[in-house]
Protein backbone atom coordinates (compact mmCIF):
# COMPACT_ATOMS: atom_id res chain seq x y z
CA MET A 1 -12.98 4.86 27.36
CA ARG A 2 -10.99 5.89 24.12
CA LYS A 3 -14.08 7.58 22.72
CA GLN A 4 -14.47 9.63 25.90
CA THR A 5 -10.75 10.56 25.94
CA GLU A 6 -10.89 11.58 22.21
CA GLN A 7 -13.94 13.78 23.06
CA PHE A 8 -12.08 15.29 25.91
CA PHE A 9 -9.17 16.09 23.75
CA LEU A 10 -11.42 17.60 21.08
CA ARG A 11 -13.11 19.80 23.59
CA GLY A 12 -9.77 20.96 25.09
CA TYR A 13 -8.41 21.75 21.70
CA ARG A 14 -11.44 23.77 20.84
CA MET A 15 -11.29 25.66 24.07
CA ASN A 16 -7.70 26.50 23.41
CA ASN A 17 -7.79 27.31 19.64
CA GLY A 18 -11.38 28.08 18.78
CA THR A 19 -11.36 25.68 15.73
CA ILE A 20 -9.78 22.45 14.75
CA THR A 21 -9.18 20.81 11.40
CA ARG A 22 -9.71 17.12 10.69
CA ARG A 23 -5.96 16.68 10.13
CA GLN A 24 -5.22 18.41 13.50
CA PHE A 25 -7.56 16.18 15.26
CA ILE A 26 -5.99 13.00 13.66
CA LYS A 27 -2.50 14.27 14.75
CA GLY A 28 -3.69 14.90 18.30
CA THR A 29 -5.44 11.49 18.62
CA THR A 30 -2.29 9.72 17.12
CA ALA A 31 -0.27 11.40 19.62
CA LEU A 32 -2.88 10.31 22.29
CA ALA A 33 -2.52 6.86 21.08
CA GLY A 34 1.15 6.93 21.71
CA THR A 35 0.61 8.10 25.19
CA ALA A 36 -1.95 5.38 25.71
CA ALA A 37 0.53 2.66 24.64
CA VAL A 38 3.04 3.97 27.24
CA SER A 39 0.25 3.99 29.90
CA SER A 40 -0.53 0.40 29.03
CA CYS A 41 2.91 -0.77 29.53
CA ALA A 42 2.87 1.00 32.98
CA GLY A 43 -0.38 -0.74 34.03
CA GLY A 44 -2.47 2.25 33.08
CA LEU A 45 -5.98 2.38 31.78
CA PHE A 46 -5.41 2.84 28.01
CA LYS A 47 -4.26 0.47 25.17
CA SER A 48 -3.03 1.61 21.81
CA LYS A 49 -5.24 0.62 18.80
CA ARG A 50 -3.99 -0.04 15.24
CA THR A 51 -5.52 2.11 12.48
CA ALA A 52 -5.40 2.42 8.68
CA ILE A 53 -3.17 5.41 8.90
CA ASP A 54 -0.52 3.96 11.17
CA LYS A 55 2.96 3.90 9.88
CA VAL A 56 4.03 0.30 9.34
CA THR A 57 7.41 -1.39 9.06
CA LEU A 58 7.75 -2.98 5.51
CA GLY A 59 9.56 -6.25 5.99
CA LYS A 60 13.35 -5.94 6.25
CA THR A 61 13.30 -2.56 4.34
CA GLY A 62 13.01 -0.36 7.45
CA LEU A 63 10.65 1.76 5.44
CA THR A 64 7.32 2.94 6.97
CA PRO A 65 4.41 3.42 4.56
CA SER A 66 1.03 4.06 5.98
CA ARG A 67 -1.03 0.76 6.44
CA LEU A 68 -3.41 1.87 3.72
CA GLY A 69 -2.15 3.14 0.35
CA VAL A 70 -3.76 4.88 -2.49
CA GLY A 71 -3.49 3.02 -5.86
CA THR A 72 -3.46 4.75 -9.22
CA GLY A 73 -3.70 1.70 -11.40
CA THR A 74 -7.32 0.77 -11.64
CA PHE A 75 -7.95 -0.67 -15.05
CA ASN A 76 -4.38 0.13 -15.84
CA GLY A 77 -4.80 3.80 -14.35
CA GLN A 78 -7.83 4.76 -16.54
CA THR A 79 -10.10 5.30 -13.56
CA GLN A 80 -7.75 7.62 -11.81
CA ARG A 81 -6.67 9.41 -15.14
CA ASP A 82 -10.44 10.06 -15.84
CA LEU A 83 -10.57 12.21 -12.63
CA GLY A 84 -8.32 14.75 -14.50
CA THR A 85 -5.59 16.65 -12.93
CA ASP A 86 -7.61 18.74 -10.54
CA GLY A 87 -9.69 15.68 -9.47
CA PHE A 88 -6.63 13.53 -9.03
CA ASN A 89 -5.02 16.38 -7.06
CA ARG A 90 -8.03 16.58 -4.68
CA LEU A 91 -8.13 12.83 -4.13
CA ILE A 92 -4.36 12.54 -3.27
CA ARG A 93 -4.60 15.64 -0.94
CA TYR A 94 -7.74 14.34 0.78
CA ALA A 95 -5.97 11.03 1.37
CA TYR A 96 -2.97 12.85 2.83
CA ASP A 97 -5.05 14.93 5.00
CA GLN A 98 -6.59 11.84 6.48
CA GLY A 99 -3.11 10.49 7.38
CA ILE A 100 -2.35 8.30 4.30
CA THR A 101 1.21 8.62 3.13
CA TYR A 102 1.70 5.66 0.70
CA PHE A 103 1.04 6.33 -3.04
CA ASP A 104 1.43 3.67 -5.59
CA THR A 105 1.89 4.36 -9.33
CA ALA A 106 3.76 2.64 -12.41
CA GLU A 107 4.97 3.33 -15.76
CA ASN A 108 2.15 1.64 -17.63
CA TYR A 109 -0.54 3.45 -15.42
CA GLN A 110 0.73 6.62 -16.97
CA THR A 111 0.23 8.43 -13.59
CA HIS A 112 3.81 9.37 -12.79
CA PRO A 113 2.94 13.01 -13.93
CA TYR A 114 -0.30 12.90 -12.05
CA VAL A 115 1.44 11.84 -8.74
CA ARG A 116 4.14 14.50 -9.37
CA ASP A 117 1.72 17.26 -9.47
CA ALA A 118 -0.50 15.99 -6.54
CA ILE A 119 2.52 15.62 -4.06
CA ARG A 120 4.19 18.98 -4.88
CA GLY A 121 4.62 20.95 -1.80
CA ILE A 122 4.46 17.95 0.53
CA PRO A 123 7.62 17.23 2.33
CA ARG A 124 9.33 14.19 0.47
CA GLU A 125 10.31 12.52 3.68
CA ASN A 126 6.60 12.46 4.73
CA ILE A 127 5.42 10.11 1.91
CA PHE A 128 6.23 6.72 0.51
CA ILE A 129 6.29 6.29 -3.28
CA GLN A 130 6.23 3.00 -4.92
CA SER A 131 6.36 2.49 -8.82
CA LYS A 132 6.99 -0.39 -11.13
CA MET A 133 8.87 -1.33 -14.24
CA PRO A 134 7.05 -3.28 -16.83
CA ARG A 135 8.90 -5.66 -19.46
CA ILE A 136 12.53 -5.37 -19.98
CA PRO A 137 13.68 -1.86 -21.16
CA ASP A 138 16.70 -1.57 -23.36
CA ASN A 139 18.51 0.41 -20.74
CA PRO A 140 16.85 -0.14 -17.30
CA MET A 141 19.02 2.49 -15.50
CA GLU A 142 18.03 5.00 -17.95
CA THR A 143 14.48 4.05 -17.40
CA ILE A 144 14.89 4.59 -13.58
CA GLU A 145 16.38 7.95 -14.11
CA ARG A 146 13.31 8.81 -16.29
CA TYR A 147 10.97 7.79 -13.56
CA LEU A 148 12.71 10.09 -11.04
CA ARG A 149 12.43 13.08 -13.62
CA GLU A 150 8.71 12.07 -14.20
CA LEU A 151 7.90 12.02 -10.59
CA ASP A 152 10.29 14.95 -9.80
CA VAL A 153 11.88 13.17 -6.85
CA GLU A 154 15.40 12.37 -5.83
CA TYR A 155 14.51 8.77 -4.94
CA ILE A 156 11.75 6.15 -5.18
CA ASP A 157 10.83 4.29 -1.98
CA SER A 158 10.02 1.00 -3.55
CA LEU A 159 10.52 -0.02 -7.30
CA LEU A 160 9.10 -3.33 -8.45
CA VAL A 161 9.43 -5.63 -11.30
CA HIS A 162 5.87 -5.39 -12.73
CA VAL A 163 3.53 -8.09 -13.93
CA ALA A 164 5.92 -10.99 -13.31
CA THR A 165 4.29 -14.32 -14.58
CA ARG A 166 6.95 -16.76 -15.44
CA ALA A 167 8.49 -19.04 -12.84
CA ASP A 168 11.86 -17.92 -13.85
CA TRP A 169 11.07 -14.10 -14.02
CA ASP A 170 14.17 -13.22 -11.99
CA GLN A 171 16.32 -14.77 -14.80
CA GLU A 172 14.08 -13.54 -17.51
CA ARG A 173 14.62 -9.93 -16.23
CA ALA A 174 18.22 -10.38 -14.81
CA ARG A 175 19.14 -7.10 -16.49
CA VAL A 176 16.31 -5.28 -14.66
CA LEU A 177 17.26 -6.77 -11.33
CA ASP A 178 20.82 -5.84 -11.77
CA ALA A 179 19.94 -2.26 -12.71
CA MET A 180 17.74 -2.08 -9.63
CA ASP A 181 20.68 -3.24 -7.39
CA GLU A 182 22.82 -0.43 -8.85
CA ALA A 183 20.11 2.09 -8.36
CA LYS A 184 19.52 1.03 -4.72
CA ALA A 185 23.37 1.33 -4.03
CA ARG A 186 23.35 4.77 -5.53
CA GLY A 187 20.33 5.91 -3.40
CA MET A 188 18.05 6.29 -6.50
CA ILE A 189 15.52 3.64 -4.96
CA ARG A 190 15.43 2.45 -1.49
CA SER A 191 14.06 -1.06 -1.98
CA HIS A 192 13.09 -3.39 -4.87
CA GLY A 193 10.81 -6.23 -5.36
CA VAL A 194 8.09 -7.62 -7.56
CA SER A 195 4.48 -7.51 -8.51
CA CYS A 196 3.47 -11.06 -9.29
CA HIS A 197 0.53 -12.10 -11.64
CA SER A 198 0.74 -15.78 -11.41
CA LEU A 199 1.19 -18.49 -8.73
CA ALA A 200 4.34 -19.67 -10.41
CA ALA A 201 5.90 -16.23 -10.20
CA LEU A 202 4.59 -15.78 -6.56
CA GLU A 203 6.29 -19.10 -5.52
CA ARG A 204 9.61 -17.85 -6.93
CA ALA A 205 9.37 -14.44 -5.35
CA ALA A 206 8.71 -16.01 -1.91
CA GLN A 207 12.19 -17.77 -2.11
CA LEU A 208 14.40 -14.98 -3.24
CA ASP A 209 16.55 -12.98 -1.02
CA TRP A 210 16.64 -10.24 -3.60
CA VAL A 211 13.10 -9.28 -2.97
CA ASP A 212 12.49 -6.75 -0.60
CA VAL A 213 8.78 -6.00 -1.23
CA ASN A 214 6.16 -8.18 -2.62
CA LEU A 215 2.91 -6.66 -4.17
CA VAL A 216 0.60 -9.57 -3.92
CA GLN A 217 -3.14 -10.12 -5.06
CA MET A 218 -5.28 -11.10 -2.28
CA ASN A 219 -8.92 -11.32 -1.26
CA PRO A 220 -10.93 -14.19 0.13
CA GLN A 221 -13.40 -14.36 -2.84
CA GLY A 222 -10.65 -15.36 -5.09
CA ALA A 223 -11.18 -12.34 -7.63
CA ASN A 224 -8.35 -11.59 -9.88
CA LEU A 225 -5.83 -13.63 -7.83
CA ASN A 226 -2.74 -15.52 -8.87
CA ARG A 227 -4.18 -18.32 -10.82
CA PRO A 228 -2.85 -21.87 -10.58
CA PRO A 229 -1.50 -23.43 -13.75
CA GLY A 230 -4.17 -24.03 -16.39
CA SER A 231 -6.99 -22.05 -14.66
CA THR A 232 -8.65 -19.21 -16.47
CA ALA A 233 -11.52 -18.27 -14.05
CA GLU A 234 -11.55 -14.73 -12.87
CA ILE A 235 -13.27 -15.62 -9.50
CA ASP A 236 -12.37 -18.81 -7.85
CA PRO A 237 -11.92 -19.26 -4.10
CA SER A 238 -9.57 -22.18 -4.67
CA TYR A 239 -6.85 -19.59 -5.51
CA ILE A 240 -6.88 -18.43 -1.95
CA THR A 241 -5.05 -21.36 -0.08
CA PRO A 242 -1.87 -21.52 -2.42
CA THR A 243 -1.65 -17.69 -2.26
CA VAL A 244 -1.79 -17.52 1.58
CA GLU A 245 0.81 -20.51 1.63
CA GLN A 246 3.34 -18.15 -0.18
CA LEU A 247 2.44 -15.18 1.87
CA LYS A 248 3.48 -17.17 4.94
CA ILE A 249 6.82 -18.09 3.40
CA MET A 250 7.43 -14.41 2.43
CA LYS A 251 6.59 -13.44 6.05
CA ALA A 252 8.99 -15.96 7.33
CA ASN A 253 11.74 -14.62 5.04
CA ASN A 254 11.02 -11.09 6.30
CA HIS A 255 9.90 -9.90 3.00
CA GLY A 256 7.67 -6.78 2.95
CA ILE A 257 4.23 -7.60 1.77
CA ILE A 258 1.47 -5.35 0.40
CA GLY A 259 -1.78 -6.63 -0.64
CA MET A 260 -3.65 -5.46 -3.75
CA LYS A 261 -6.84 -6.44 -5.56
CA ILE A 262 -8.50 -5.91 -2.21
CA ILE A 263 -11.59 -4.72 -3.90
CA GLY A 264 -11.23 -7.21 -6.84
CA GLU A 265 -10.31 -4.21 -9.06
CA GLY A 266 -13.77 -2.79 -8.60
CA LYS A 267 -15.62 -6.14 -8.85
CA PHE A 268 -16.82 -5.77 -5.18
CA THR A 269 -19.86 -3.42 -5.67
CA ASP A 270 -21.61 -5.08 -2.73
CA PRO A 271 -20.42 -3.45 0.64
CA ALA A 272 -20.57 -6.87 2.24
CA ASP A 273 -17.88 -8.05 -0.28
CA ARG A 274 -15.69 -5.05 0.67
CA GLU A 275 -16.10 -5.65 4.28
CA LYS A 276 -15.35 -9.36 3.90
CA SER A 277 -12.04 -8.59 1.97
CA ILE A 278 -10.72 -5.88 4.04
CA ARG A 279 -11.33 -8.05 7.27
CA PHE A 280 -9.57 -10.89 5.63
CA ALA A 281 -6.54 -8.83 4.71
CA MET A 282 -6.32 -7.12 8.18
CA GLN A 283 -7.08 -10.18 10.42
CA SER A 284 -4.86 -12.63 8.47
CA GLY A 285 -1.74 -10.87 9.91
CA LEU A 286 0.01 -11.37 6.55
CA PRO A 287 0.19 -8.13 4.70
CA ASP A 288 2.19 -5.15 6.19
CA ALA A 289 0.08 -2.82 4.15
CA ILE A 290 -2.68 -2.81 1.52
CA VAL A 291 -3.27 -0.51 -1.58
CA ILE A 292 -6.62 0.27 -2.98
CA GLY A 293 -7.34 2.12 -6.27
CA PHE A 294 -9.73 4.99 -5.08
CA LYS A 295 -11.67 7.41 -7.25
CA SER A 296 -13.41 9.51 -4.44
CA ALA A 297 -13.12 10.67 -0.95
CA ALA A 298 -16.16 8.73 0.10
CA GLU A 299 -14.23 5.47 -0.90
CA ILE A 300 -11.17 6.45 1.19
CA ASP A 301 -13.48 7.22 4.23
CA GLU A 302 -15.15 3.81 3.82
CA ALA A 303 -11.82 2.02 3.59
CA ILE A 304 -10.46 3.56 6.56
CA MET A 305 -13.62 2.89 8.60
CA ARG A 306 -13.59 -0.72 7.71
CA MET A 307 -9.88 -1.31 8.36
CA ASN A 308 -10.11 0.43 11.69
CA ASN A 309 -13.18 -1.68 12.76
CA ALA A 310 -11.40 -4.81 11.61
CA LEU A 311 -8.23 -4.07 13.40
CA ALA A 312 -10.19 -2.96 16.59
CA ASP A 313 -12.00 -6.37 16.62
CA MET A 314 -8.54 -8.02 16.98
CA ALA A 315 -7.70 -6.31 20.13
């Protein structure tokens, strides 16, 4: 029924306008989905469906990134930087034209200038930008001010402590947390949180009220996940259960959760692995959004398709 309705909308648009762009069609069907949701509540024929490009609420922040985000940190950003400025711009603009509004960067990816150029001309309120601060700068507030200049924005939607590994990362980086609190109060950032790279750091993050947003490694194969103490294996499914346990605590504490390493940082070259991982993320009900480091329009199309199918199967 939904397919027939979309075809009807498409035919009607062409009759009235002669041509239709992909983005216009997406906007039209998104509006149609909203109408369908109302019809469902009134006992109508339609039911709304969740998609990869939905705006989702990120925990307690009130912020609404798209469910799928574009990452710029594959192999510390090298994959995206290798696209060059023009190639990177085309990638981001293609993603935006499909309805993706969440763009993920970080200081150590060296992609702030790339993101700045790619988003130029897009209304700032239309996009969600997340960045990350590694280490402990001498003056964290000056570092945040520099990020704003590098991105050429007045605010960053989400700024994270990056690559936290210690169980006491919040104490280790107390100066950074204090600066982020000040920046949030001054409107320079809208939320703060942490990107964890160990199970110990993840366990601490799940308990902290300070954390608005968690960026969490997750995939069902156990590739590049938060390792239990003493483990060195790169792929081990035994990492999954303790990670999921912490995600459930985060969810209960109303933290925003964004899944990363969905494609195992490029390890999942078999389409079956990508399908398995995306279905796991979507159907677990745990992350609000996920971020994937893309390098081509085809990869974006595939991720949207797999996410949409996984979400549709939950209806």
